[in-house]
Amino acid sequence: MAYTHLPHNHGQNVEKVLEHMPSSEDCIQVAEVFKQISDGTRLRILWLLCHCEQCVSNVSAAMEMSDPAVSHHLKLLKKSGLIVSRRDGKEIYYKLADTETANLVHRVIEQMFKITCPLDK
């Protein structure tokens, strides 16, 4: 992205910074991930799925919510790429996606809440 002239020169060489500015599309993708984890229920569901693979019914019971309500949250988390699913017969199981973004979100959640991953003990 080329910026040839800014209206004010504050002596900070901002042109060099602007050369590395993420694209609008990249920022939209990152904002979508933050949007998904900005909901407390989705954050709790994601935390659970960071530690174990679960079916909708188990997630619903853990969250004390209905299956349809949890399914809605799972659909959004899956669309954002943070979780993945697999079918085994009639059951669909969900877990954290094995991506750099999903793993980073997991680490951030752990640090922010000072939660110790039970699998790390």
PDB file of N, CA and C in Angstrom:
ATOM      1  N   MET A   1       0.849  -1.165   0.000  1.00  0.00           N
ATOM      2  CA  MET A   1       0.000   0.000   0.000  1.00  0.00           C
ATOM      3  C   MET A   1       0.897   1.231   0.000  1.00  0.00           C
ATOM      4  N   ALA A   2       0.818   2.032  -1.013  1.00  0.00           N
ATOM      5  CA  ALA A   2       1.710   3.180  -1.149  1.00  0.00           C
ATOM      6  C   ALA A   2       1.023   4.469  -0.690  1.00  0.00           C
ATOM      7  N   TYR A   3       1.671   5.140   0.224  1.00  0.00           N
ATOM      8  CA  TYR A   3       1.229   6.454   0.668  1.00  0.00           C
ATOM      9  C   TYR A   3       2.358   7.412   0.314  1.00  0.00           C
ATOM     10  N   THR A   4       2.132   8.246  -0.674  1.00  0.00           N
ATOM     11  CA  THR A   4       3.215   9.110  -1.131  1.00  0.00           C
ATOM     12  C   THR A   4       3.304  10.405  -0.342  1.00  0.00           C
ATOM     13  N   HIS A   5       2.166  10.847   0.198  1.00  0.00           N
ATOM     14  CA  HIS A   5       2.200  12.123   0.883  1.00  0.00           C
ATOM     15  C   HIS A   5       1.132  12.164   1.974  1.00  0.00           C
ATOM     16  N   LEU A   6       1.561  12.438   3.177  1.00  0.00           N
ATOM     17  CA  LEU A   6       0.618  12.663   4.266  1.00  0.00           C
ATOM     18  C   LEU A   6       0.559  14.170   4.526  1.00  0.00           C
ATOM     19  N   PRO A   7      -0.570  14.663   4.985  1.00  0.00           N
ATOM     20  CA  PRO A   7      -0.723  16.110   5.153  1.00  0.00           C
ATOM     21  C   PRO A   7       0.242  16.724   6.161  1.00  0.00           C
ATOM     22  N   HIS A   8       0.650  15.954   7.177  1.00  0.00           N
ATOM     23  CA  HIS A   8       1.536  16.500   8.208  1.00  0.00           C
ATOM     24  C   HIS A   8       2.739  15.587   8.408  1.00  0.00           C
ATOM     25  N   ASN A   9       3.880  16.178   8.610  1.00  0.00           N
ATOM     26  CA  ASN A   9       5.094  15.436   8.899  1.00  0.00           C
ATOM     27  C   ASN A   9       5.428  15.655  10.370  1.00  0.00           C
ATOM     28  N   HIS A  10       5.280  14.594  11.166  1.00  0.00           N
ATOM     29  CA  HIS A  10       5.554  14.692  12.595  1.00  0.00           C
ATOM     30  C   HIS A  10       6.908  14.073  12.952  1.00  0.00           C
ATOM     31  N   GLY A  11       7.712  13.811  11.940  1.00  0.00           N
ATOM     32  CA  GLY A  11       9.053  13.299  12.170  1.00  0.00           C
ATOM     33  C   GLY A  11       9.102  11.870  12.672  1.00  0.00           C
ATOM     34  N   GLN A  12       8.061  11.093  12.434  1.00  0.00           N
ATOM     35  CA  GLN A  12       8.035   9.723  12.931  1.00  0.00           C
ATOM     36  C   GLN A  12       8.188   8.680  11.828  1.00  0.00           C
ATOM     37  N   ASN A  13       8.458   9.104  10.615  1.00  0.00           N
ATOM     38  CA  ASN A  13       8.655   8.189   9.498  1.00  0.00           C
ATOM     39  C   ASN A  13       7.472   7.226   9.343  1.00  0.00           C
ATOM     40  N   VAL A  14       6.261   7.761   9.429  1.00  0.00           N
ATOM     41  CA  VAL A  14       5.047   6.955   9.381  1.00  0.00           C
ATOM     42  C   VAL A  14       4.891   6.231   8.045  1.00  0.00           C
ATOM     43  N   GLU A  15       5.494   6.745   6.994  1.00  0.00           N
ATOM     44  CA  GLU A  15       5.392   6.080   5.691  1.00  0.00           C
ATOM     45  C   GLU A  15       5.921   4.652   5.762  1.00  0.00           C
ATOM     46  N   LYS A  16       7.009   4.443   6.516  1.00  0.00           N
ATOM     47  CA  LYS A  16       7.577   3.096   6.676  1.00  0.00           C
ATOM     48  C   LYS A  16       6.588   2.182   7.396  1.00  0.00           C
ATOM     49  N   VAL A  17       5.894   2.725   8.380  1.00  0.00           N
ATOM     50  CA  VAL A  17       4.884   1.941   9.105  1.00  0.00           C
ATOM     51  C   VAL A  17       3.732   1.602   8.168  1.00  0.00           C
ATOM     52  N   LEU A  18       3.278   2.560   7.401  1.00  0.00           N
ATOM     53  CA  LEU A  18       2.140   2.368   6.511  1.00  0.00           C
ATOM     54  C   LEU A  18       2.429   1.343   5.416  1.00  0.00           C
ATOM     55  N   GLU A  19       3.696   1.171   5.070  1.00  0.00           N
ATOM     56  CA  GLU A  19       4.062   0.157   4.080  1.00  0.00           C
ATOM     57  C   GLU A  19       3.711  -1.247   4.560  1.00  0.00           C
ATOM     58  N   HIS A  20       3.633  -1.432   5.868  1.00  0.00           N
ATOM     59  CA  HIS A  20       3.373  -2.749   6.456  1.00  0.00           C
ATOM     60  C   HIS A  20       1.970  -2.870   7.047  1.00  0.00           C
ATOM     61  N   MET A  21       1.139  -1.865   6.841  1.00  0.00           N
ATOM     62  CA  MET A  21      -0.212  -1.898   7.387  1.00  0.00           C
ATOM     63  C   MET A  21      -1.006  -3.041   6.759  1.00  0.00           C
ATOM     64  N   PRO A  22      -1.705  -3.818   7.593  1.00  0.00           N
ATOM     65  CA  PRO A  22      -2.522  -4.910   7.045  1.00  0.00           C
ATOM     66  C   PRO A  22      -3.621  -4.367   6.134  1.00  0.00           C
ATOM     67  N   SER A  23      -4.048  -5.203   5.214  1.00  0.00           N
ATOM     68  CA  SER A  23      -5.112  -4.801   4.303  1.00  0.00           C
ATOM     69  C   SER A  23      -6.443  -4.719   5.053  1.00  0.00           C
ATOM     70  N   SER A  24      -7.389  -4.042   4.451  1.00  0.00           N
ATOM     71  CA  SER A  24      -8.727  -3.968   5.032  1.00  0.00           C
ATOM     72  C   SER A  24      -9.328  -5.354   5.180  1.00  0.00           C
ATOM     73  N   GLU A  25      -9.123  -6.217   4.190  1.00  0.00           N
ATOM     74  CA  GLU A  25      -9.659  -7.571   4.237  1.00  0.00           C
ATOM     75  C   GLU A  25      -9.062  -8.361   5.402  1.00  0.00           C
ATOM     76  N   ASP A  26      -7.753  -8.239   5.616  1.00  0.00           N
ATOM     77  CA  ASP A  26      -7.114  -8.937   6.737  1.00  0.00           C
ATOM     78  C   ASP A  26      -7.675  -8.448   8.070  1.00  0.00           C
ATOM     79  N   CYS A  27      -7.893  -7.154   8.182  1.00  0.00           N
ATOM     80  CA  CYS A  27      -8.436  -6.587   9.421  1.00  0.00           C
ATOM     81  C   CYS A  27      -9.864  -7.064   9.663  1.00  0.00           C
ATOM     82  N   ILE A  28     -10.634  -7.206   8.606  1.00  0.00           N
ATOM     83  CA  ILE A  28     -12.005  -7.708   8.741  1.00  0.00           C
ATOM     84  C   ILE A  28     -11.986  -9.144   9.247  1.00  0.00           C
ATOM     85  N   GLN A  29     -11.074  -9.971   8.735  1.00  0.00           N
ATOM     86  CA  GLN A  29     -10.979 -11.366   9.183  1.00  0.00           C
ATOM     87  C   GLN A  29     -10.608 -11.441  10.660  1.00  0.00           C
ATOM     88  N   VAL A  30      -9.657 -10.637  11.084  1.00  0.00           N
ATOM     89  CA  VAL A  30      -9.248 -10.631  12.494  1.00  0.00           C
ATOM     90  C   VAL A  30     -10.389 -10.122  13.373  1.00  0.00           C
ATOM     91  N   ALA A  31     -11.086  -9.091  12.918  1.00  0.00           N
ATOM     92  CA  ALA A  31     -12.222  -8.550  13.678  1.00  0.00           C
ATOM     93  C   ALA A  31     -13.310  -9.605  13.855  1.00  0.00           C
ATOM     94  N   GLU A  32     -13.520 -10.454  12.847  1.00  0.00           N
ATOM     95  CA  GLU A  32     -14.521 -11.515  12.952  1.00  0.00           C
ATOM     96  C   GLU A  32     -14.166 -12.505  14.063  1.00  0.00           C
ATOM     97  N   VAL A  33     -12.883 -12.832  14.197  1.00  0.00           N
ATOM     98  CA  VAL A  33     -12.465 -13.733  15.267  1.00  0.00           C
ATOM     99  C   VAL A  33     -12.738 -13.084  16.616  1.00  0.00           C
ATOM    100  N   PHE A  34     -12.367 -11.816  16.762  1.00  0.00           N
ATOM    101  CA  PHE A  34     -12.617 -11.112  18.017  1.00  0.00           C
ATOM    102  C   PHE A  34     -14.109 -10.994  18.297  1.00  0.00           C
ATOM    103  N   LYS A  35     -14.904 -10.825  17.261  1.00  0.00           N
ATOM    104  CA  LYS A  35     -16.356 -10.737  17.438  1.00  0.00           C
ATOM    105  C   LYS A  35     -16.886 -12.034  18.038  1.00  0.00           C
ATOM    106  N   GLN A  36     -16.371 -13.165  17.574  1.00  0.00           N
ATOM    107  CA  GLN A  36     -16.846 -14.451  18.077  1.00  0.00           C
ATOM    108  C   GLN A  36     -16.492 -14.649  19.544  1.00  0.00           C
ATOM    109  N   ILE A  37     -15.308 -14.247  19.950  1.00  0.00           N
ATOM    110  CA  ILE A  37     -14.909 -14.469  21.342  1.00  0.00           C
ATOM    111  C   ILE A  37     -15.328 -13.325  22.253  1.00  0.00           C
ATOM    112  N   SER A  38     -16.016 -12.318  21.701  1.00  0.00           N
ATOM    113  CA  SER A  38     -16.498 -11.223  22.538  1.00  0.00           C
ATOM    114  C   SER A  38     -17.789 -11.588  23.255  1.00  0.00           C
ATOM    115  N   ASP A  39     -18.380 -12.713  22.899  1.00  0.00           N
ATOM    116  CA  ASP A  39     -19.595 -13.201  23.545  1.00  0.00           C
ATOM    117  C   ASP A  39     -19.189 -14.171  24.656  1.00  0.00           C
ATOM    118  N   GLY A  40     -19.642 -13.921  25.885  1.00  0.00           N
ATOM    119  CA  GLY A  40     -19.249 -14.746  27.027  1.00  0.00           C
ATOM    120  C   GLY A  40     -19.602 -16.213  26.878  1.00  0.00           C
ATOM    121  N   THR A  41     -20.755 -16.502  26.309  1.00  0.00           N
ATOM    122  CA  THR A  41     -21.156 -17.896  26.116  1.00  0.00           C
ATOM    123  C   THR A  41     -20.232 -18.585  25.131  1.00  0.00           C
ATOM    124  N   ARG A  42     -19.947 -17.930  24.008  1.00  0.00           N
ATOM    125  CA  ARG A  42     -19.043 -18.546  23.029  1.00  0.00           C
ATOM    126  C   ARG A  42     -17.652 -18.712  23.609  1.00  0.00           C
ATOM    127  N   LEU A  43     -17.236 -17.775  24.431  1.00  0.00           N
ATOM    128  CA  LEU A  43     -15.916 -17.876  25.059  1.00  0.00           C
ATOM    129  C   LEU A  43     -15.856 -19.100  25.972  1.00  0.00           C
ATOM    130  N   ARG A  44     -16.907 -19.342  26.737  1.00  0.00           N
ATOM    131  CA  ARG A  44     -16.956 -20.520  27.616  1.00  0.00           C
ATOM    132  C   ARG A  44     -16.977 -21.808  26.790  1.00  0.00           C
ATOM    133  N   ILE A  45     -17.784 -21.813  25.735  1.00  0.00           N
ATOM    134  CA  ILE A  45     -17.842 -22.996  24.865  1.00  0.00           C
ATOM    135  C   ILE A  45     -16.471 -23.243  24.245  1.00  0.00           C
ATOM    136  N   LEU A  46     -15.833 -22.186  23.770  1.00  0.00           N
ATOM    137  CA  LEU A  46     -14.519 -22.332  23.155  1.00  0.00           C
ATOM    138  C   LEU A  46     -13.510 -22.859  24.163  1.00  0.00           C
ATOM    139  N   TRP A  47     -13.550 -22.334  25.377  1.00  0.00           N
ATOM    140  CA  TRP A  47     -12.624 -22.805  26.405  1.00  0.00           C
ATOM    141  C   TRP A  47     -12.802 -24.315  26.615  1.00  0.00           C
ATOM    142  N   LEU A  48     -14.050 -24.759  26.716  1.00  0.00           N
ATOM    143  CA  LEU A  48     -14.318 -26.183  26.889  1.00  0.00           C
ATOM    144  C   LEU A  48     -13.739 -26.997  25.733  1.00  0.00           C
ATOM    145  N   LEU A  49     -13.982 -26.524  24.512  1.00  0.00           N
ATOM    146  CA  LEU A  49     -13.535 -27.262  23.327  1.00  0.00           C
ATOM    147  C   LEU A  49     -12.026 -27.166  23.107  1.00  0.00           C
ATOM    148  N   CYS A  50     -11.374 -26.248  23.791  1.00  0.00           N
ATOM    149  CA  CYS A  50      -9.905 -26.201  23.760  1.00  0.00           C
ATOM    150  C   CYS A  50      -9.324 -27.407  24.494  1.00  0.00           C
ATOM    151  N   HIS A  51     -10.095 -27.957  25.417  1.00  0.00           N
ATOM    152  CA  HIS A  51      -9.572 -29.002  26.285  1.00  0.00           C
ATOM    153  C   HIS A  51     -10.107 -30.395  25.988  1.00  0.00           C
ATOM    154  N   CYS A  52     -11.227 -30.459  25.285  1.00  0.00           N
ATOM    155  CA  CYS A  52     -11.770 -31.781  24.970  1.00  0.00           C
ATOM    156  C   CYS A  52     -12.771 -31.668  23.822  1.00  0.00           C
ATOM    157  N   GLU A  53     -12.905 -32.763  23.105  1.00  0.00           N
ATOM    158  CA  GLU A  53     -13.885 -32.855  22.036  1.00  0.00           C
ATOM    159  C   GLU A  53     -15.223 -33.245  22.664  1.00  0.00           C
ATOM    160  N   GLN A  54     -16.298 -32.547  22.268  1.00  0.00           N
ATOM    161  CA  GLN A  54     -17.605 -32.812  22.867  1.00  0.00           C
ATOM    162  C   GLN A  54     -18.712 -32.757  21.830  1.00  0.00           C
ATOM    163  N   CYS A  55     -19.797 -33.469  22.118  1.00  0.00           N
ATOM    164  CA  CYS A  55     -20.990 -33.406  21.280  1.00  0.00           C
ATOM    165  C   CYS A  55     -21.866 -32.246  21.748  1.00  0.00           C
ATOM    166  N   VAL A  56     -22.836 -31.884  20.937  1.00  0.00           N
ATOM    167  CA  VAL A  56     -23.718 -30.759  21.244  1.00  0.00           C
ATOM    168  C   VAL A  56     -24.420 -30.960  22.583  1.00  0.00           C
ATOM    169  N   SER A  57     -24.912 -32.162  22.830  1.00  0.00           N
ATOM    170  CA  SER A  57     -25.652 -32.421  24.076  1.00  0.00           C
ATOM    171  C   SER A  57     -24.779 -32.204  25.311  1.00  0.00           C
ATOM    172  N   ASN A  58     -23.541 -32.639  25.268  1.00  0.00           N
ATOM    173  CA  ASN A  58     -22.642 -32.431  26.405  1.00  0.00           C
ATOM    174  C   ASN A  58     -22.302 -30.958  26.585  1.00  0.00           C
ATOM    175  N   VAL A  59     -22.066 -30.255  25.478  1.00  0.00           N
ATOM    176  CA  VAL A  59     -21.793 -28.813  25.573  1.00  0.00           C
ATOM    177  C   VAL A  59     -23.014 -28.115  26.150  1.00  0.00           C
ATOM    178  N   SER A  60     -24.202 -28.491  25.689  1.00  0.00           N
ATOM    179  CA  SER A  60     -25.444 -27.892  26.190  1.00  0.00           C
ATOM    180  C   SER A  60     -25.589 -28.096  27.689  1.00  0.00           C
ATOM    181  N   ALA A  61     -25.332 -29.324  28.149  1.00  0.00           N
ATOM    182  CA  ALA A  61     -25.435 -29.612  29.579  1.00  0.00           C
ATOM    183  C   ALA A  61     -24.410 -28.806  30.375  1.00  0.00           C
ATOM    184  N   ALA A  62     -23.192 -28.730  29.870  1.00  0.00           N
ATOM    185  CA  ALA A  62     -22.141 -27.982  30.567  1.00  0.00           C
ATOM    186  C   ALA A  62     -22.466 -26.488  30.642  1.00  0.00           C
ATOM    187  N   MET A  63     -23.094 -25.969  29.603  1.00  0.00           N
ATOM    188  CA  MET A  63     -23.435 -24.540  29.548  1.00  0.00           C
ATOM    189  C   MET A  63     -24.795 -24.237  30.169  1.00  0.00           C
ATOM    190  N   GLU A  64     -25.535 -25.325  30.508  1.00  0.00           N
ATOM    191  CA  GLU A  64     -26.904 -25.193  31.022  1.00  0.00           C
ATOM    192  C   GLU A  64     -27.770 -24.400  30.048  1.00  0.00           C
ATOM    193  N   MET A  65     -27.696 -24.824  28.785  1.00  0.00           N
ATOM    194  CA  MET A  65     -28.436 -24.188  27.703  1.00  0.00           C
ATOM    195  C   MET A  65     -29.103 -25.273  26.862  1.00  0.00           C
ATOM    196  N   SER A  66     -30.040 -24.858  26.029  1.00  0.00           N
ATOM    197  CA  SER A  66     -30.686 -25.803  25.121  1.00  0.00           C
ATOM    198  C   SER A  66     -29.748 -26.188  23.983  1.00  0.00           C
ATOM    199  N   ASP A  67     -29.999 -27.370  23.410  1.00  0.00           N
ATOM    200  CA  ASP A  67     -29.208 -27.809  22.256  1.00  0.00           C
ATOM    201  C   ASP A  67     -29.272 -26.803  21.099  1.00  0.00           C
ATOM    202  N   PRO A  68     -30.463 -26.275  20.738  1.00  0.00           N
ATOM    203  CA  PRO A  68     -30.505 -25.313  19.632  1.00  0.00           C
ATOM    204  C   PRO A  68     -29.693 -24.034  19.906  1.00  0.00           C
ATOM    205  N   ALA A  69     -29.719 -23.557  21.141  1.00  0.00           N
ATOM    206  CA  ALA A  69     -28.952 -22.347  21.470  1.00  0.00           C
ATOM    207  C   ALA A  69     -27.456 -22.612  21.339  1.00  0.00           C
ATOM    208  N   VAL A  70     -27.016 -23.754  21.847  1.00  0.00           N
ATOM    209  CA  VAL A  70     -25.595 -24.114  21.740  1.00  0.00           C
ATOM    210  C   VAL A  70     -25.216 -24.350  20.287  1.00  0.00           C
ATOM    211  N   SER A  71     -26.089 -24.991  19.534  1.00  0.00           N
ATOM    212  CA  SER A  71     -25.814 -25.237  18.114  1.00  0.00           C
ATOM    213  C   SER A  71     -25.585 -23.934  17.366  1.00  0.00           C
ATOM    214  N   HIS A  72     -26.352 -22.913  17.714  1.00  0.00           N
ATOM    215  CA  HIS A  72     -26.168 -21.594  17.085  1.00  0.00           C
ATOM    216  C   HIS A  72     -24.765 -21.054  17.369  1.00  0.00           C
ATOM    217  N   HIS A  73     -24.333 -21.131  18.622  1.00  0.00           N
ATOM    218  CA  HIS A  73     -22.998 -20.647  18.976  1.00  0.00           C
ATOM    219  C   HIS A  73     -21.911 -21.480  18.298  1.00  0.00           C
ATOM    220  N   LEU A  74     -22.113 -22.787  18.242  1.00  0.00           N
ATOM    221  CA  LEU A  74     -21.133 -23.660  17.591  1.00  0.00           C
ATOM    222  C   LEU A  74     -21.022 -23.336  16.103  1.00  0.00           C
ATOM    223  N   LYS A  75     -22.141 -23.052  15.474  1.00  0.00           N
ATOM    224  CA  LYS A  75     -22.141 -22.692  14.053  1.00  0.00           C
ATOM    225  C   LYS A  75     -21.292 -21.438  13.819  1.00  0.00           C
ATOM    226  N   LEU A  76     -21.441 -20.448  14.690  1.00  0.00           N
ATOM    227  CA  LEU A  76     -20.666 -19.209  14.541  1.00  0.00           C
ATOM    228  C   LEU A  76     -19.178 -19.443  14.781  1.00  0.00           C
ATOM    229  N   LEU A  77     -18.853 -20.230  15.798  1.00  0.00           N
ATOM    230  CA  LEU A  77     -17.450 -20.527  16.080  1.00  0.00           C
ATOM    231  C   LEU A  77     -16.816 -21.321  14.936  1.00  0.00           C
ATOM    232  N   LYS A  78     -17.589 -22.234  14.370  1.00  0.00           N
ATOM    233  CA  LYS A  78     -17.076 -23.028  13.248  1.00  0.00           C
ATOM    234  C   LYS A  78     -16.876 -22.151  12.018  1.00  0.00           C
ATOM    235  N   LYS A  79     -17.827 -21.265  11.765  1.00  0.00           N
ATOM    236  CA  LYS A  79     -17.720 -20.360  10.612  1.00  0.00           C
ATOM    237  C   LYS A  79     -16.477 -19.471  10.722  1.00  0.00           C
ATOM    238  N   SER A  80     -16.118 -19.090  11.943  1.00  0.00           N
ATOM    239  CA  SER A  80     -14.942 -18.244  12.140  1.00  0.00           C
ATOM    240  C   SER A  80     -13.642 -19.036  12.036  1.00  0.00           C
ATOM    241  N   GLY A  81     -13.734 -20.369  11.975  1.00  0.00           N
ATOM    242  CA  GLY A  81     -12.537 -21.197  11.851  1.00  0.00           C
ATOM    243  C   GLY A  81     -11.886 -21.551  13.164  1.00  0.00           C
ATOM    244  N   LEU A  82     -12.525 -21.221  14.288  1.00  0.00           N
ATOM    245  CA  LEU A  82     -11.924 -21.516  15.588  1.00  0.00           C
ATOM    246  C   LEU A  82     -12.149 -22.958  16.034  1.00  0.00           C
ATOM    247  N   ILE A  83     -13.234 -23.570  15.569  1.00  0.00           N
ATOM    248  CA  ILE A  83     -13.494 -24.969  15.909  1.00  0.00           C
ATOM    249  C   ILE A  83     -13.772 -25.764  14.639  1.00  0.00           C
ATOM    250  N   VAL A  84     -13.663 -27.079  14.768  1.00  0.00           N
ATOM    251  CA  VAL A  84     -13.985 -27.999  13.676  1.00  0.00           C
ATOM    252  C   VAL A  84     -14.928 -29.061  14.221  1.00  0.00           C
ATOM    253  N   SER A  85     -15.577 -29.773  13.306  1.00  0.00           N
ATOM    254  CA  SER A  85     -16.497 -30.826  13.728  1.00  0.00           C
ATOM    255  C   SER A  85     -16.222 -32.091  12.935  1.00  0.00           C
ATOM    256  N   ARG A  86     -16.705 -33.184  13.502  1.00  0.00           N
ATOM    257  CA  ARG A  86     -16.669 -34.469  12.801  1.00  0.00           C
ATOM    258  C   ARG A  86     -17.921 -35.238  13.189  1.00  0.00           C
ATOM    259  N   ARG A  87     -18.404 -36.017  12.264  1.00  0.00           N
ATOM    260  CA  ARG A  87     -19.604 -36.823  12.508  1.00  0.00           C
ATOM    261  C   ARG A  87     -19.186 -38.251  12.817  1.00  0.00           C
ATOM    262  N   ASP A  88     -19.840 -38.822  13.819  1.00  0.00           N
ATOM    263  CA  ASP A  88     -19.668 -40.234  14.161  1.00  0.00           C
ATOM    264  C   ASP A  88     -21.073 -40.793  14.361  1.00  0.00           C
ATOM    265  N   GLY A  89     -21.604 -41.444  13.332  1.00  0.00           N
ATOM    266  CA  GLY A  89     -22.995 -41.903  13.369  1.00  0.00           C
ATOM    267  C   GLY A  89     -23.931 -40.713  13.385  1.00  0.00           C
ATOM    268  N   LYS A  90     -24.782 -40.654  14.395  1.00  0.00           N
ATOM    269  CA  LYS A  90     -25.729 -39.537  14.515  1.00  0.00           C
ATOM    270  C   LYS A  90     -25.148 -38.352  15.276  1.00  0.00           C
ATOM    271  N   GLU A  91     -24.034 -38.564  15.950  1.00  0.00           N
ATOM    272  CA  GLU A  91     -23.433 -37.515  16.777  1.00  0.00           C
ATOM    273  C   GLU A  91     -22.447 -36.664  15.975  1.00  0.00           C
ATOM    274  N   ILE A  92     -22.421 -35.388  16.287  1.00  0.00           N
ATOM    275  CA  ILE A  92     -21.410 -34.479  15.740  1.00  0.00           C
ATOM    276  C   ILE A  92     -20.575 -33.999  16.916  1.00  0.00           C
ATOM    277  N   TYR A  93     -19.276 -34.150  16.778  1.00  0.00           N
ATOM    278  CA  TYR A  93     -18.341 -33.766  17.829  1.00  0.00           C
ATOM    279  C   TYR A  93     -17.581 -32.517  17.394  1.00  0.00           C
ATOM    280  N   TYR A  94     -17.335 -31.636  18.361  1.00  0.00           N
ATOM    281  CA  TYR A  94     -16.640 -30.377  18.109  1.00  0.00           C
ATOM    282  C   TYR A  94     -15.391 -30.293  18.969  1.00  0.00           C
ATOM    283  N   LYS A  95     -14.376 -29.638  18.418  1.00  0.00           N
ATOM    284  CA  LYS A  95     -13.141 -29.389  19.160  1.00  0.00           C
ATOM    285  C   LYS A  95     -12.457 -28.171  18.553  1.00  0.00           C
ATOM    286  N   LEU A  96     -11.435 -27.689  19.243  1.00  0.00           N
ATOM    287  CA  LEU A  96     -10.650 -26.562  18.760  1.00  0.00           C
ATOM    288  C   LEU A  96      -9.994 -26.931  17.434  1.00  0.00           C
ATOM    289  N   ALA A  97     -10.024 -26.023  16.492  1.00  0.00           N
ATOM    290  CA  ALA A  97      -9.349 -26.253  15.211  1.00  0.00           C
ATOM    291  C   ALA A  97      -7.844 -26.282  15.429  1.00  0.00           C
ATOM    292  N   ASP A  98      -7.161 -27.062  14.644  1.00  0.00           N
ATOM    293  CA  ASP A  98      -5.701 -27.141  14.738  1.00  0.00           C
ATOM    294  C   ASP A  98      -5.097 -26.123  13.771  1.00  0.00           C
ATOM    295  N   THR A  99      -5.314 -24.843  14.102  1.00  0.00           N
ATOM    296  CA  THR A  99      -4.778 -23.756  13.287  1.00  0.00           C
ATOM    297  C   THR A  99      -3.981 -22.810  14.187  1.00  0.00           C
ATOM    298  N   GLU A 100      -3.140 -22.035  13.566  1.00  0.00           N
ATOM    299  CA  GLU A 100      -2.349 -21.073  14.324  1.00  0.00           C
ATOM    300  C   GLU A 100      -3.254 -20.079  15.048  1.00  0.00           C
ATOM    301  N   THR A 101      -4.298 -19.620  14.374  1.00  0.00           N
ATOM    302  CA  THR A 101      -5.213 -18.653  14.981  1.00  0.00           C
ATOM    303  C   THR A 101      -5.930 -19.259  16.185  1.00  0.00           C
ATOM    304  N   ALA A 102      -6.489 -20.449  16.027  1.00  0.00           N
ATOM    305  CA  ALA A 102      -7.221 -21.087  17.123  1.00  0.00           C
ATOM    306  C   ALA A 102      -6.298 -21.353  18.312  1.00  0.00           C
ATOM    307  N   ASN A 103      -5.086 -21.809  18.045  1.00  0.00           N
ATOM    308  CA  ASN A 103      -4.144 -22.074  19.140  1.00  0.00           C
ATOM    309  C   ASN A 103      -3.719 -20.788  19.827  1.00  0.00           C
ATOM    310  N   LEU A 104      -3.567 -19.712  19.081  1.00  0.00           N
ATOM    311  CA  LEU A 104      -3.237 -18.427  19.691  1.00  0.00           C
ATOM    312  C   LEU A 104      -4.380 -17.935  20.576  1.00  0.00           C
ATOM    313  N   VAL A 105      -5.604 -18.056  20.091  1.00  0.00           N
ATOM    314  CA  VAL A 105      -6.770 -17.661  20.892  1.00  0.00           C
ATOM    315  C   VAL A 105      -6.817 -18.489  22.175  1.00  0.00           C
ATOM    316  N   HIS A 106      -6.539 -19.784  22.079  1.00  0.00           N
ATOM    317  CA  HIS A 106      -6.510 -20.635  23.273  1.00  0.00           C
ATOM    318  C   HIS A 106      -5.479 -20.121  24.271  1.00  0.00           C
ATOM    319  N   ARG A 107      -4.269 -19.833  23.802  1.00  0.00           N
ATOM    320  CA  ARG A 107      -3.223 -19.336  24.706  1.00  0.00           C
ATOM    321  C   ARG A 107      -3.619 -18.004  25.330  1.00  0.00           C
ATOM    322  N   VAL A 108      -4.228 -17.139  24.557  1.00  0.00           N
ATOM    323  CA  VAL A 108      -4.652 -15.831  25.081  1.00  0.00           C
ATOM    324  C   VAL A 108      -5.719 -16.021  26.154  1.00  0.00           C
ATOM    325  N   ILE A 109      -6.690 -16.886  25.897  1.00  0.00           N
ATOM    326  CA  ILE A 109      -7.734 -17.161  26.887  1.00  0.00           C
ATOM    327  C   ILE A 109      -7.104 -17.666  28.178  1.00  0.00           C
ATOM    328  N   GLU A 110      -6.198 -18.607  28.052  1.00  0.00           N
ATOM    329  CA  GLU A 110      -5.546 -19.172  29.232  1.00  0.00           C
ATOM    330  C   GLU A 110      -4.817 -18.090  30.027  1.00  0.00           C
ATOM    331  N   GLN A 111      -4.101 -17.228  29.340  1.00  0.00           N
ATOM    332  CA  GLN A 111      -3.357 -16.173  30.020  1.00  0.00           C
ATOM    333  C   GLN A 111      -4.276 -15.125  30.632  1.00  0.00           C
ATOM    334  N   MET A 112      -5.282 -14.709  29.883  1.00  0.00           N
ATOM    335  CA  MET A 112      -6.155 -13.646  30.369  1.00  0.00           C
ATOM    336  C   MET A 112      -6.936 -14.079  31.598  1.00  0.00           C
ATOM    337  N   PHE A 113      -7.387 -15.301  31.642  1.00  0.00           N
ATOM    338  CA  PHE A 113      -8.162 -15.775  32.779  1.00  0.00           C
ATOM    339  C   PHE A 113      -7.309 -16.491  33.805  1.00  0.00           C
ATOM    340  N   LYS A 114      -6.025 -16.589  33.506  1.00  0.00           N
ATOM    341  CA  LYS A 114      -5.102 -17.316  34.393  1.00  0.00           C
ATOM    342  C   LYS A 114      -5.630 -18.712  34.698  1.00  0.00           C
ATOM    343  N   ILE A 115      -6.142 -19.326  33.635  1.00  0.00           N
ATOM    344  CA  ILE A 115      -6.674 -20.674  33.733  1.00  0.00           C
ATOM    345  C   ILE A 115      -5.553 -21.627  33.348  1.00  0.00           C
ATOM    346  N   THR A 116      -5.353 -22.640  34.143  1.00  0.00           N
ATOM    347  CA  THR A 116      -4.354 -23.645  33.819  1.00  0.00           C
ATOM    348  C   THR A 116      -5.023 -24.749  33.027  1.00  0.00           C
ATOM    349  N   CYS A 117      -4.494 -25.020  31.873  1.00  0.00           N
ATOM    350  CA  CYS A 117      -5.026 -26.084  31.026  1.00  0.00           C
ATOM    351  C   CYS A 117      -4.881 -27.418  31.754  1.00  0.00           C
ATOM    352  N   PRO A 118      -5.971 -28.136  31.986  1.00  0.00           N
ATOM    353  CA  PRO A 118      -5.861 -29.405  32.707  1.00  0.00           C
ATOM    354  C   PRO A 118      -4.990 -30.420  31.997  1.00  0.00           C
ATOM    355  N   LEU A 119      -4.815 -30.282  30.700  1.00  0.00           N
ATOM    356  CA  LEU A 119      -3.971 -31.229  29.957  1.00  0.00           C
ATOM    357  C   LEU A 119      -2.496 -30.923  30.113  1.00  0.00           C
ATOM    358  N   ASP A 120      -2.166 -29.726  30.598  1.00  0.00           N
ATOM    359  CA  ASP A 120      -0.764 -29.341  30.750  1.00  0.00           C
ATOM    360  C   ASP A 120      -0.174 -29.777  32.084  1.00  0.00           C
ATOM    361  N   LYS A 121      -0.979 -30.334  32.952  1.00  0.00           N
ATOM    362  CA  LYS A 121      -0.485 -30.713  34.292  1.00  0.00           C
ATOM    363  C   LYS A 121       0.270 -31.997  34.247  1.00  0.00           C
TER     364      LYS A 121
END
